[in-house]
Amino acid sequence: MINWPDRLVNCIARRRCVVVIGSGVSRNALNGAGKRPPTWEEFLRGCADKLADSVAINGSIDERDFLTACELIKRAMGVHDFVQVVQQEFQQPAYKHAKIHEYIYGLDVSVVASPNFDNIYETYASAVSAGSVVIKDHTSNDIGSYLLGGESRLIIKTHGSANNPQDVIFTRMDYAQARTKFMLFYEILKSLVMTHTFLFIGCGVDDPDIRMLFEDVQFAYGRMPFHYMTLPRGTAHADVLRVISELMHVQFLEYSSDDGHLELTGSLGELVERVEELRSEISLNRRW
């Protein structure tokens, strides 16, 4: 099981933590036919298989240059067909939430951010909270008003949603345009990086959006809270993780990927218990 650092438990208990859920979390979900949401790489490989000429695309995927691969796919398919494929893979299968989604909701943090195109977590959170969670994406111009305190629980779709496929951030050009067109959104994310501890669950170390954001803050300001990322043991060489840790100011919390990453789900259940215990203690001793 993951040995959760006391500092992280304390940040979550005091709601000074942003939880970021990646495609690894969505992979726990199933639909009625037993289908799971694809990872970014699986989605791109599936799209490439539909095209007559996919040599350059597969070459980019092999080099883990997913942004270029997706740009090539979108241009080869055309916008209409690409949008259709996004909805077929991430929205129409009607995925059901898994236990891991319940534990993440149980942490009861103020902000959950998700680069996933599917709507699995927010559908579950909306149902459990009787629709009281607030869901925003990179195109929203009022996110800041929900970060001023209060009882709102905010879900930020950082790359958009399959519900609005025309606005999803998926390709290299999408990223370039979004960082200019929605500059305020990225400034808000940077502010959160500097003032909150981030816990990444089911995210990859090669996610370009995450890397870019955290490296920008690290080199521009030099100081920010320590952040945490869960990672399957053996995902990357120790030297590589050391470099990424220094660049992003992140500590990796490793676990076994056996049995479909079951240890991660169990560890999150333990984290929920520790957070609830600390919140009770803080409330009892009035140490807010």
C-alpha atoms as a PDB file:
ATOM      1  CA  MET A   1       0.000   0.000   0.000  1.00  0.00           C
ATOM      2  CA  ILE A   2       1.055   3.616  -0.511  1.00  0.00           C
ATOM      3  CA  ASN A   3       2.574   5.260   2.551  1.00  0.00           C
ATOM      4  CA  TRP A   4       0.810   8.621   2.354  1.00  0.00           C
ATOM      5  CA  PRO A   5       2.998  11.485   3.683  1.00  0.00           C
ATOM      6  CA  ASP A   6       1.619  13.319   6.727  1.00  0.00           C
ATOM      7  CA  ARG A   7       2.075  16.639   4.936  1.00  0.00           C
ATOM      8  CA  LEU A   8      -0.198  15.516   2.096  1.00  0.00           C
ATOM      9  CA  VAL A   9      -2.853  14.189   4.491  1.00  0.00           C
ATOM     10  CA  ASN A  10      -2.772  17.513   6.337  1.00  0.00           C
ATOM     11  CA  CYS A  11      -3.179  19.530   3.109  1.00  0.00           C
ATOM     12  CA  ILE A  12      -6.164  17.438   2.024  1.00  0.00           C
ATOM     13  CA  ALA A  13      -7.772  17.629   5.461  1.00  0.00           C
ATOM     14  CA  ARG A  14      -7.471  21.422   5.407  1.00  0.00           C
ATOM     15  CA  ARG A  15      -8.719  21.554   1.799  1.00  0.00           C
ATOM     16  CA  ARG A  16      -5.486  23.055   0.530  1.00  0.00           C
ATOM     17  CA  CYS A  17      -5.081  20.309  -2.072  1.00  0.00           C
ATOM     18  CA  VAL A  18      -6.109  20.030  -5.721  1.00  0.00           C
ATOM     19  CA  VAL A  19      -6.648  16.450  -6.899  1.00  0.00           C
ATOM     20  CA  VAL A  20      -5.872  15.835 -10.577  1.00  0.00           C
ATOM     21  CA  ILE A  21      -7.335  12.648 -12.062  1.00  0.00           C
ATOM     22  CA  GLY A  22      -5.924  11.264 -15.303  1.00  0.00           C
ATOM     23  CA  SER A  23      -6.873   8.522 -17.733  1.00  0.00           C
ATOM     24  CA  GLY A  24      -5.542   5.889 -15.316  1.00  0.00           C
ATOM     25  CA  VAL A  25      -8.508   6.635 -13.064  1.00  0.00           C
ATOM     26  CA  SER A  26     -10.998   6.372 -15.921  1.00  0.00           C
ATOM     27  CA  ARG A  27      -9.520   2.981 -16.901  1.00  0.00           C
ATOM     28  CA  ASN A  28     -11.177   1.519 -13.799  1.00  0.00           C
ATOM     29  CA  ALA A  29     -14.621   2.213 -15.257  1.00  0.00           C
ATOM     30  CA  LEU A  30     -16.645  -0.190 -17.399  1.00  0.00           C
ATOM     31  CA  ASN A  31     -19.795   0.074 -19.465  1.00  0.00           C
ATOM     32  CA  GLY A  32     -22.517  -2.538 -19.862  1.00  0.00           C
ATOM     33  CA  ALA A  33     -20.548  -4.318 -22.596  1.00  0.00           C
ATOM     34  CA  GLY A  34     -17.386  -4.546 -20.501  1.00  0.00           C
ATOM     35  CA  LYS A  35     -15.563  -1.804 -22.428  1.00  0.00           C
ATOM     36  CA  ARG A  36     -13.087   0.490 -20.654  1.00  0.00           C
ATOM     37  CA  PRO A  37     -12.181   4.053 -21.696  1.00  0.00           C
ATOM     38  CA  PRO A  38      -8.998   4.112 -23.774  1.00  0.00           C
ATOM     39  CA  THR A  39      -5.775   5.708 -22.592  1.00  0.00           C
ATOM     40  CA  TRP A  40      -4.468   8.547 -24.735  1.00  0.00           C
ATOM     41  CA  GLU A  41      -2.049   6.186 -26.505  1.00  0.00           C
ATOM     42  CA  GLU A  42      -4.744   3.556 -27.100  1.00  0.00           C
ATOM     43  CA  PHE A  43      -7.072   6.158 -28.554  1.00  0.00           C
ATOM     44  CA  LEU A  44      -4.389   7.416 -30.935  1.00  0.00           C
ATOM     45  CA  ARG A  45      -3.410   3.884 -32.016  1.00  0.00           C
ATOM     46  CA  GLY A  46      -7.078   3.107 -32.710  1.00  0.00           C
ATOM     47  CA  CYS A  47      -7.442   6.243 -34.823  1.00  0.00           C
ATOM     48  CA  ALA A  48      -4.237   5.448 -36.726  1.00  0.00           C
ATOM     49  CA  ASP A  49      -5.610   1.995 -37.579  1.00  0.00           C
ATOM     50  CA  LYS A  50      -8.540   3.653 -39.327  1.00  0.00           C
ATOM     51  CA  LEU A  51      -6.270   5.577 -41.718  1.00  0.00           C
ATOM     52  CA  ALA A  52      -4.678   4.343 -44.929  1.00  0.00           C
ATOM     53  CA  ASP A  53      -1.328   6.026 -44.240  1.00  0.00           C
ATOM     54  CA  SER A  54      -0.358   6.023 -40.577  1.00  0.00           C
ATOM     55  CA  VAL A  55       3.442   5.666 -40.729  1.00  0.00           C
ATOM     56  CA  ALA A  56       4.175   9.200 -39.489  1.00  0.00           C
ATOM     57  CA  ILE A  57       1.424   8.956 -36.887  1.00  0.00           C
ATOM     58  CA  ASN A  58       2.670   5.683 -35.430  1.00  0.00           C
ATOM     59  CA  GLY A  59       6.212   7.058 -35.499  1.00  0.00           C
ATOM     60  CA  SER A  60       5.114  10.026 -33.373  1.00  0.00           C
ATOM     61  CA  ILE A  61       3.254   7.717 -30.983  1.00  0.00           C
ATOM     62  CA  ASP A  62       6.331   5.491 -30.653  1.00  0.00           C
ATOM     63  CA  GLU A  63       8.319   8.588 -29.685  1.00  0.00           C
ATOM     64  CA  ARG A  64       5.509   9.480 -27.251  1.00  0.00           C
ATOM     65  CA  ASP A  65       4.934  12.745 -29.095  1.00  0.00           C
ATOM     66  CA  PHE A  66       1.189  12.397 -28.674  1.00  0.00           C
ATOM     67  CA  LEU A  67       0.373  16.017 -29.523  1.00  0.00           C
ATOM     68  CA  THR A  68       1.907  15.753 -32.994  1.00  0.00           C
ATOM     69  CA  ALA A  69       0.313  12.338 -33.555  1.00  0.00           C
ATOM     70  CA  CYS A  70      -3.101  13.732 -32.706  1.00  0.00           C
ATOM     71  CA  GLU A  71      -2.542  16.764 -34.941  1.00  0.00           C
ATOM     72  CA  LEU A  72      -1.762  14.448 -37.859  1.00  0.00           C
ATOM     73  CA  ILE A  73      -4.817  12.281 -37.104  1.00  0.00           C
ATOM     74  CA  LYS A  74      -7.180  15.237 -36.921  1.00  0.00           C
ATOM     75  CA  ARG A  75      -5.918  16.596 -40.235  1.00  0.00           C
ATOM     76  CA  ALA A  76      -6.106  13.198 -41.932  1.00  0.00           C
ATOM     77  CA  MET A  77      -9.634  12.449 -40.675  1.00  0.00           C
ATOM     78  CA  GLY A  78     -11.062  15.922 -40.950  1.00  0.00           C
ATOM     79  CA  VAL A  79     -12.634  17.780 -38.038  1.00  0.00           C
ATOM     80  CA  HIS A  80     -16.119  16.238 -38.418  1.00  0.00           C
ATOM     81  CA  ASP A  81     -14.943  12.619 -38.393  1.00  0.00           C
ATOM     82  CA  PHE A  82     -12.446  13.297 -35.608  1.00  0.00           C
ATOM     83  CA  VAL A  83     -15.158  14.814 -33.406  1.00  0.00           C
ATOM     84  CA  GLN A  84     -17.330  11.780 -34.085  1.00  0.00           C
ATOM     85  CA  VAL A  85     -14.569   9.395 -32.992  1.00  0.00           C
ATOM     86  CA  VAL A  86     -13.992  11.362 -29.769  1.00  0.00           C
ATOM     87  CA  GLN A  87     -17.668  11.049 -28.850  1.00  0.00           C
ATOM     88  CA  GLN A  88     -17.782   7.360 -29.809  1.00  0.00           C
ATOM     89  CA  GLU A  89     -14.858   6.550 -27.525  1.00  0.00           C
ATOM     90  CA  PHE A  90     -15.413   8.854 -24.554  1.00  0.00           C
ATOM     91  CA  GLN A  91     -19.124   9.694 -24.313  1.00  0.00           C
ATOM     92  CA  GLN A  92     -21.424   7.250 -26.085  1.00  0.00           C
ATOM     93  CA  PRO A  93     -20.228   4.026 -24.362  1.00  0.00           C
ATOM     94  CA  ALA A  94     -21.892   5.199 -21.089  1.00  0.00           C
ATOM     95  CA  TYR A  95     -19.125   4.190 -18.695  1.00  0.00           C
ATOM     96  CA  LYS A  96     -20.068   3.555 -15.058  1.00  0.00           C
ATOM     97  CA  HIS A  97     -17.972   4.851 -12.166  1.00  0.00           C
ATOM     98  CA  ALA A  98     -15.705   2.543 -10.161  1.00  0.00           C
ATOM     99  CA  LYS A  99     -14.724   2.384  -6.495  1.00  0.00           C
ATOM    100  CA  ILE A 100     -11.748   4.651  -7.122  1.00  0.00           C
ATOM    101  CA  HIS A 101     -14.099   7.464  -8.139  1.00  0.00           C
ATOM    102  CA  GLU A 102     -15.965   7.081  -4.853  1.00  0.00           C
ATOM    103  CA  TYR A 103     -12.747   7.354  -2.841  1.00  0.00           C
ATOM    104  CA  ILE A 104     -11.634  10.445  -4.749  1.00  0.00           C
ATOM    105  CA  TYR A 105     -14.997  12.071  -4.077  1.00  0.00           C
ATOM    106  CA  GLY A 106     -14.682  10.965  -0.445  1.00  0.00           C
ATOM    107  CA  LEU A 107     -11.525  13.077  -0.038  1.00  0.00           C
ATOM    108  CA  ASP A 108     -13.904  16.057  -0.273  1.00  0.00           C
ATOM    109  CA  VAL A 109     -11.368  18.508  -1.677  1.00  0.00           C
ATOM    110  CA  SER A 110     -12.476  21.899  -2.946  1.00  0.00           C
ATOM    111  CA  VAL A 111     -11.072  21.412  -6.449  1.00  0.00           C
ATOM    112  CA  VAL A 112     -10.770  18.314  -8.628  1.00  0.00           C
ATOM    113  CA  ALA A 113      -9.134  18.869 -12.019  1.00  0.00           C
ATOM    114  CA  SER A 114      -9.424  16.389 -14.864  1.00  0.00           C
ATOM    115  CA  PRO A 115      -7.803  16.401 -18.315  1.00  0.00           C
ATOM    116  CA  ASN A 116     -10.026  13.424 -19.260  1.00  0.00           C
ATOM    117  CA  PHE A 117     -12.590  13.842 -22.042  1.00  0.00           C
ATOM    118  CA  ASP A 118     -14.999  11.357 -20.492  1.00  0.00           C
ATOM    119  CA  ASN A 119     -17.619  12.462 -17.959  1.00  0.00           C
ATOM    120  CA  ILE A 120     -17.322   9.551 -15.531  1.00  0.00           C
ATOM    121  CA  TYR A 121     -16.200  11.365 -12.401  1.00  0.00           C
ATOM    122  CA  GLU A 122     -18.379  14.452 -12.774  1.00  0.00           C
ATOM    123  CA  THR A 123     -21.463  12.319 -13.544  1.00  0.00           C
ATOM    124  CA  TYR A 124     -20.890  10.373 -10.321  1.00  0.00           C
ATOM    125  CA  ALA A 125     -20.089  13.493  -8.275  1.00  0.00           C
ATOM    126  CA  SER A 126     -23.182  15.298  -9.570  1.00  0.00           C
ATOM    127  CA  ALA A 127     -25.416  12.353  -8.691  1.00  0.00           C
ATOM    128  CA  VAL A 128     -24.019  11.912  -5.159  1.00  0.00           C
ATOM    129  CA  SER A 129     -24.051  15.652  -4.414  1.00  0.00           C
ATOM    130  CA  ALA A 130     -27.565  16.126  -5.829  1.00  0.00           C
ATOM    131  CA  GLY A 131     -26.132  18.371  -8.532  1.00  0.00           C
ATOM    132  CA  SER A 132     -24.364  20.739  -6.150  1.00  0.00           C
ATOM    133  CA  VAL A 133     -20.873  20.363  -7.648  1.00  0.00           C
ATOM    134  CA  VAL A 134     -19.832  23.080 -10.092  1.00  0.00           C
ATOM    135  CA  ILE A 135     -18.308  21.904 -13.389  1.00  0.00           C
ATOM    136  CA  LYS A 136     -16.206  24.283 -15.483  1.00  0.00           C
ATOM    137  CA  ASP A 137     -13.711  23.964 -18.308  1.00  0.00           C
ATOM    138  CA  HIS A 138     -10.910  25.987 -19.906  1.00  0.00           C
ATOM    139  CA  THR A 139     -13.438  28.114 -21.826  1.00  0.00           C
ATOM    140  CA  SER A 140     -15.177  29.305 -18.629  1.00  0.00           C
ATOM    141  CA  ASN A 141     -14.422  32.895 -17.638  1.00  0.00           C
ATOM    142  CA  ASP A 142     -15.832  32.730 -14.101  1.00  0.00           C
ATOM    143  CA  ILE A 143     -13.731  29.974 -12.486  1.00  0.00           C
ATOM    144  CA  GLY A 144     -12.039  32.495 -10.202  1.00  0.00           C
ATOM    145  CA  SER A 145     -15.313  33.304  -8.456  1.00  0.00           C
ATOM    146  CA  TYR A 146     -15.554  29.684  -7.235  1.00  0.00           C
ATOM    147  CA  LEU A 147     -12.096  29.781  -5.662  1.00  0.00           C
ATOM    148  CA  LEU A 148     -12.884  32.530  -3.162  1.00  0.00           C
ATOM    149  CA  GLY A 149     -14.130  30.180  -0.465  1.00  0.00           C
ATOM    150  CA  GLY A 150     -17.594  28.942   0.377  1.00  0.00           C
ATOM    151  CA  GLU A 151     -19.237  25.552   0.112  1.00  0.00           C
ATOM    152  CA  SER A 152     -18.869  24.937  -3.629  1.00  0.00           C
ATOM    153  CA  ARG A 153     -16.945  21.897  -4.809  1.00  0.00           C
ATOM    154  CA  LEU A 154     -15.395  22.642  -8.191  1.00  0.00           C
ATOM    155  CA  ILE A 155     -14.537  20.201 -10.993  1.00  0.00           C
ATOM    156  CA  ILE A 156     -12.321  21.695 -13.696  1.00  0.00           C
ATOM    157  CA  LYS A 157     -12.190  19.966 -17.079  1.00  0.00           C
ATOM    158  CA  THR A 158      -8.778  21.245 -18.127  1.00  0.00           C
ATOM    159  CA  HIS A 159      -8.938  19.843 -21.677  1.00  0.00           C
ATOM    160  CA  GLY A 160     -12.668  20.127 -22.237  1.00  0.00           C
ATOM    161  CA  SER A 161     -15.230  17.356 -22.549  1.00  0.00           C
ATOM    162  CA  ALA A 162     -16.644  14.953 -25.114  1.00  0.00           C
ATOM    163  CA  ASN A 163     -19.942  16.763 -24.473  1.00  0.00           C
ATOM    164  CA  ASN A 164     -18.450  19.712 -26.383  1.00  0.00           C
ATOM    165  CA  PRO A 165     -15.918  18.039 -28.699  1.00  0.00           C
ATOM    166  CA  GLN A 166     -15.350  21.177 -30.757  1.00  0.00           C
ATOM    167  CA  ASP A 167     -13.632  22.775 -27.749  1.00  0.00           C
ATOM    168  CA  VAL A 168     -11.433  19.883 -26.577  1.00  0.00           C
ATOM    169  CA  ILE A 169      -7.697  20.464 -26.294  1.00  0.00           C
ATOM    170  CA  PHE A 170      -6.087  17.470 -27.952  1.00  0.00           C
ATOM    171  CA  THR A 171      -3.578  18.519 -30.613  1.00  0.00           C
ATOM    172  CA  ARG A 172      -0.424  20.636 -30.676  1.00  0.00           C
ATOM    173  CA  MET A 173      -2.331  23.468 -32.340  1.00  0.00           C
ATOM    174  CA  ASP A 174      -5.155  23.185 -29.788  1.00  0.00           C
ATOM    175  CA  TYR A 175      -2.617  23.715 -26.987  1.00  0.00           C
ATOM    176  CA  ALA A 176      -1.008  26.705 -28.700  1.00  0.00           C
ATOM    177  CA  GLN A 177      -4.352  28.380 -29.377  1.00  0.00           C
ATOM    178  CA  ALA A 178      -5.774  27.660 -25.914  1.00  0.00           C
ATOM    179  CA  ARG A 179      -2.794  29.155 -24.077  1.00  0.00           C
ATOM    180  CA  THR A 180      -3.393  32.429 -25.897  1.00  0.00           C
ATOM    181  CA  LYS A 181      -7.173  32.476 -26.166  1.00  0.00           C
ATOM    182  CA  PHE A 182      -7.803  31.300 -22.587  1.00  0.00           C
ATOM    183  CA  MET A 183      -4.826  32.961 -20.907  1.00  0.00           C
ATOM    184  CA  LEU A 184      -6.812  33.776 -17.749  1.00  0.00           C
ATOM    185  CA  PHE A 185      -7.617  30.097 -17.229  1.00  0.00           C
ATOM    186  CA  TYR A 186      -3.944  29.137 -17.288  1.00  0.00           C
ATOM    187  CA  GLU A 187      -3.058  31.986 -14.944  1.00  0.00           C
ATOM    188  CA  ILE A 188      -5.643  30.622 -12.493  1.00  0.00           C
ATOM    189  CA  LEU A 189      -4.058  27.157 -12.758  1.00  0.00           C
ATOM    190  CA  LYS A 190      -0.638  28.666 -12.087  1.00  0.00           C
ATOM    191  CA  SER A 191      -2.024  30.422  -9.012  1.00  0.00           C
ATOM    192  CA  LEU A 192      -3.348  27.113  -7.723  1.00  0.00           C
ATOM    193  CA  VAL A 193       0.036  25.471  -8.337  1.00  0.00           C
ATOM    194  CA  MET A 194       1.697  28.154  -6.205  1.00  0.00           C
ATOM    195  CA  THR A 195      -0.834  28.116  -3.363  1.00  0.00           C
ATOM    196  CA  HIS A 196      -2.072  24.507  -3.174  1.00  0.00           C
ATOM    197  CA  THR A 197      -0.572  21.052  -3.012  1.00  0.00           C
ATOM    198  CA  PHE A 198      -1.460  18.946  -6.066  1.00  0.00           C
ATOM    199  CA  LEU A 199      -2.091  15.207  -5.891  1.00  0.00           C
ATOM    200  CA  PHE A 200      -1.953  13.519  -9.313  1.00  0.00           C
ATOM    201  CA  ILE A 201      -3.790  10.204  -9.574  1.00  0.00           C
ATOM    202  CA  GLY A 202      -3.694   8.118 -12.744  1.00  0.00           C
ATOM    203  CA  CYS A 203      -1.618  10.698 -14.623  1.00  0.00           C
ATOM    204  CA  GLY A 204       1.532  10.019 -16.655  1.00  0.00           C
ATOM    205  CA  VAL A 205       4.898  11.671 -16.133  1.00  0.00           C
ATOM    206  CA  ASP A 206       4.944  12.563 -19.842  1.00  0.00           C
ATOM    207  CA  ASP A 207       1.681  14.527 -19.839  1.00  0.00           C
ATOM    208  CA  PRO A 208       2.722  17.669 -21.788  1.00  0.00           C
ATOM    209  CA  ASP A 209       0.162  19.956 -20.166  1.00  0.00           C
ATOM    210  CA  ILE A 210       1.229  19.064 -16.633  1.00  0.00           C
ATOM    211  CA  ARG A 211       4.948  19.227 -17.421  1.00  0.00           C
ATOM    212  CA  MET A 212       4.651  22.608 -19.142  1.00  0.00           C
ATOM    213  CA  LEU A 213       2.553  24.184 -16.399  1.00  0.00           C
ATOM    214  CA  PHE A 214       4.724  23.081 -13.494  1.00  0.00           C
ATOM    215  CA  GLU A 215       8.021  23.811 -15.219  1.00  0.00           C
ATOM    216  CA  ASP A 216       6.761  27.319 -16.068  1.00  0.00           C
ATOM    217  CA  VAL A 217       5.937  28.005 -12.418  1.00  0.00           C
ATOM    218  CA  GLN A 218       9.140  26.434 -11.100  1.00  0.00           C
ATOM    219  CA  PHE A 219      11.425  28.487 -13.312  1.00  0.00           C
ATOM    220  CA  ALA A 220       9.405  31.716 -13.183  1.00  0.00           C
ATOM    221  CA  TYR A 221       8.929  31.863  -9.417  1.00  0.00           C
ATOM    222  CA  GLY A 222      11.423  29.385  -7.996  1.00  0.00           C
ATOM    223  CA  ARG A 223       9.201  28.449  -5.075  1.00  0.00           C
ATOM    224  CA  MET A 224       5.968  26.488  -4.799  1.00  0.00           C
ATOM    225  CA  PRO A 225       4.440  23.828  -2.533  1.00  0.00           C
ATOM    226  CA  PHE A 226       5.609  20.253  -2.839  1.00  0.00           C
ATOM    227  CA  HIS A 227       3.330  18.147  -5.012  1.00  0.00           C
ATOM    228  CA  TYR A 228       2.649  14.406  -5.215  1.00  0.00           C
ATOM    229  CA  MET A 229       2.001  11.898  -7.995  1.00  0.00           C
ATOM    230  CA  THR A 230       0.946   8.254  -7.677  1.00  0.00           C
ATOM    231  CA  LEU A 231       2.866   6.062 -10.077  1.00  0.00           C
ATOM    232  CA  PRO A 232       3.017   2.319 -10.840  1.00  0.00           C
ATOM    233  CA  ARG A 233       6.336   0.914  -9.642  1.00  0.00           C
ATOM    234  CA  GLY A 234       8.833   0.513 -12.498  1.00  0.00           C
ATOM    235  CA  THR A 235       7.127   3.038 -14.799  1.00  0.00           C
ATOM    236  CA  ALA A 236      10.337   4.962 -15.423  1.00  0.00           C
ATOM    237  CA  HIS A 237      14.023   4.754 -14.539  1.00  0.00           C
ATOM    238  CA  ALA A 238      14.951   6.221 -11.157  1.00  0.00           C
ATOM    239  CA  ASP A 239      17.263   8.800 -12.790  1.00  0.00           C
ATOM    240  CA  VAL A 240      14.430   9.981 -15.055  1.00  0.00           C
ATOM    241  CA  LEU A 241      12.061  10.311 -12.104  1.00  0.00           C
ATOM    242  CA  ARG A 242      14.718  12.258 -10.198  1.00  0.00           C
ATOM    243  CA  VAL A 243      14.999  14.821 -13.002  1.00  0.00           C
ATOM    244  CA  ILE A 244      11.213  15.151 -13.337  1.00  0.00           C
ATOM    245  CA  SER A 245      10.910  15.490  -9.567  1.00  0.00           C
ATOM    246  CA  GLU A 246      13.316  18.416  -9.558  1.00  0.00           C
ATOM    247  CA  LEU A 247      11.685  20.117 -12.551  1.00  0.00           C
ATOM    248  CA  MET A 248       8.125  19.788 -11.251  1.00  0.00           C
ATOM    249  CA  HIS A 249       8.820  19.820  -7.493  1.00  0.00           C
ATOM    250  CA  VAL A 250       6.890  16.576  -7.194  1.00  0.00           C
ATOM    251  CA  GLN A 251       7.330  13.482  -5.016  1.00  0.00           C
ATOM    252  CA  PHE A 252       6.388  10.137  -6.558  1.00  0.00           C
ATOM    253  CA  LEU A 253       4.288   7.711  -4.516  1.00  0.00           C
ATOM    254  CA  GLU A 254       4.810   4.287  -6.059  1.00  0.00           C
ATOM    255  CA  TYR A 255       2.530   1.258  -5.863  1.00  0.00           C
ATOM    256  CA  SER A 256       2.115  -2.146  -7.506  1.00  0.00           C
ATOM    257  CA  SER A 257       0.227  -2.289 -10.798  1.00  0.00           C
ATOM    258  CA  ASP A 258      -0.814  -5.936 -10.205  1.00  0.00           C
ATOM    259  CA  ASP A 259      -4.485  -6.921 -10.470  1.00  0.00           C
ATOM    260  CA  GLY A 260      -5.468  -3.865 -12.457  1.00  0.00           C
ATOM    261  CA  HIS A 261      -3.784  -1.363 -10.108  1.00  0.00           C
ATOM    262  CA  LEU A 262      -5.902  -2.637  -7.229  1.00  0.00           C
ATOM    263  CA  GLU A 263      -3.358  -1.378  -4.703  1.00  0.00           C
ATOM    264  CA  LEU A 264      -3.974   2.218  -5.782  1.00  0.00           C
ATOM    265  CA  THR A 265      -7.699   1.924  -5.107  1.00  0.00           C
ATOM    266  CA  GLY A 266      -7.106   0.301  -1.716  1.00  0.00           C
ATOM    267  CA  SER A 267      -4.533   2.948  -0.805  1.00  0.00           C
ATOM    268  CA  LEU A 268      -6.985   5.729  -1.648  1.00  0.00           C
ATOM    269  CA  GLY A 269      -9.526   4.091   0.653  1.00  0.00           C
ATOM    270  CA  GLU A 270      -6.955   4.274   3.473  1.00  0.00           C
ATOM    271  CA  LEU A 271      -6.214   7.897   2.578  1.00  0.00           C
ATOM    272  CA  VAL A 272      -9.895   8.805   2.917  1.00  0.00           C
ATOM    273  CA  GLU A 273      -9.911   7.279   6.414  1.00  0.00           C
ATOM    274  CA  ARG A 274      -6.788   9.176   7.490  1.00  0.00           C
ATOM    275  CA  VAL A 275      -8.165  12.465   6.150  1.00  0.00           C
ATOM    276  CA  GLU A 276     -11.496  11.982   7.943  1.00  0.00           C
ATOM    277  CA  GLU A 277      -9.709  11.172  11.215  1.00  0.00           C
ATOM    278  CA  LEU A 278      -7.540  14.280  10.961  1.00  0.00           C
ATOM    279  CA  ARG A 279     -10.511  16.493  10.107  1.00  0.00           C
ATOM    280  CA  SER A 280     -12.311  15.223  13.210  1.00  0.00           C
ATOM    281  CA  GLU A 281      -9.237  15.949  15.321  1.00  0.00           C
ATOM    282  CA  ILE A 282      -8.821  19.431  13.825  1.00  0.00           C
ATOM    283  CA  SER A 283     -12.494  20.207  14.448  1.00  0.00           C
ATOM    284  CA  LEU A 284     -12.365  18.885  18.013  1.00  0.00           C
ATOM    285  CA  ASN A 285      -9.318  20.958  18.876  1.00  0.00           C
ATOM    286  CA  ARG A 286     -10.465  23.974  16.853  1.00  0.00           C
ATOM    287  CA  ARG A 287      -7.198  24.038  14.903  1.00  0.00           C
ATOM    288  CA  TRP A 288      -8.653  25.297  11.626  1.00  0.00           C
END
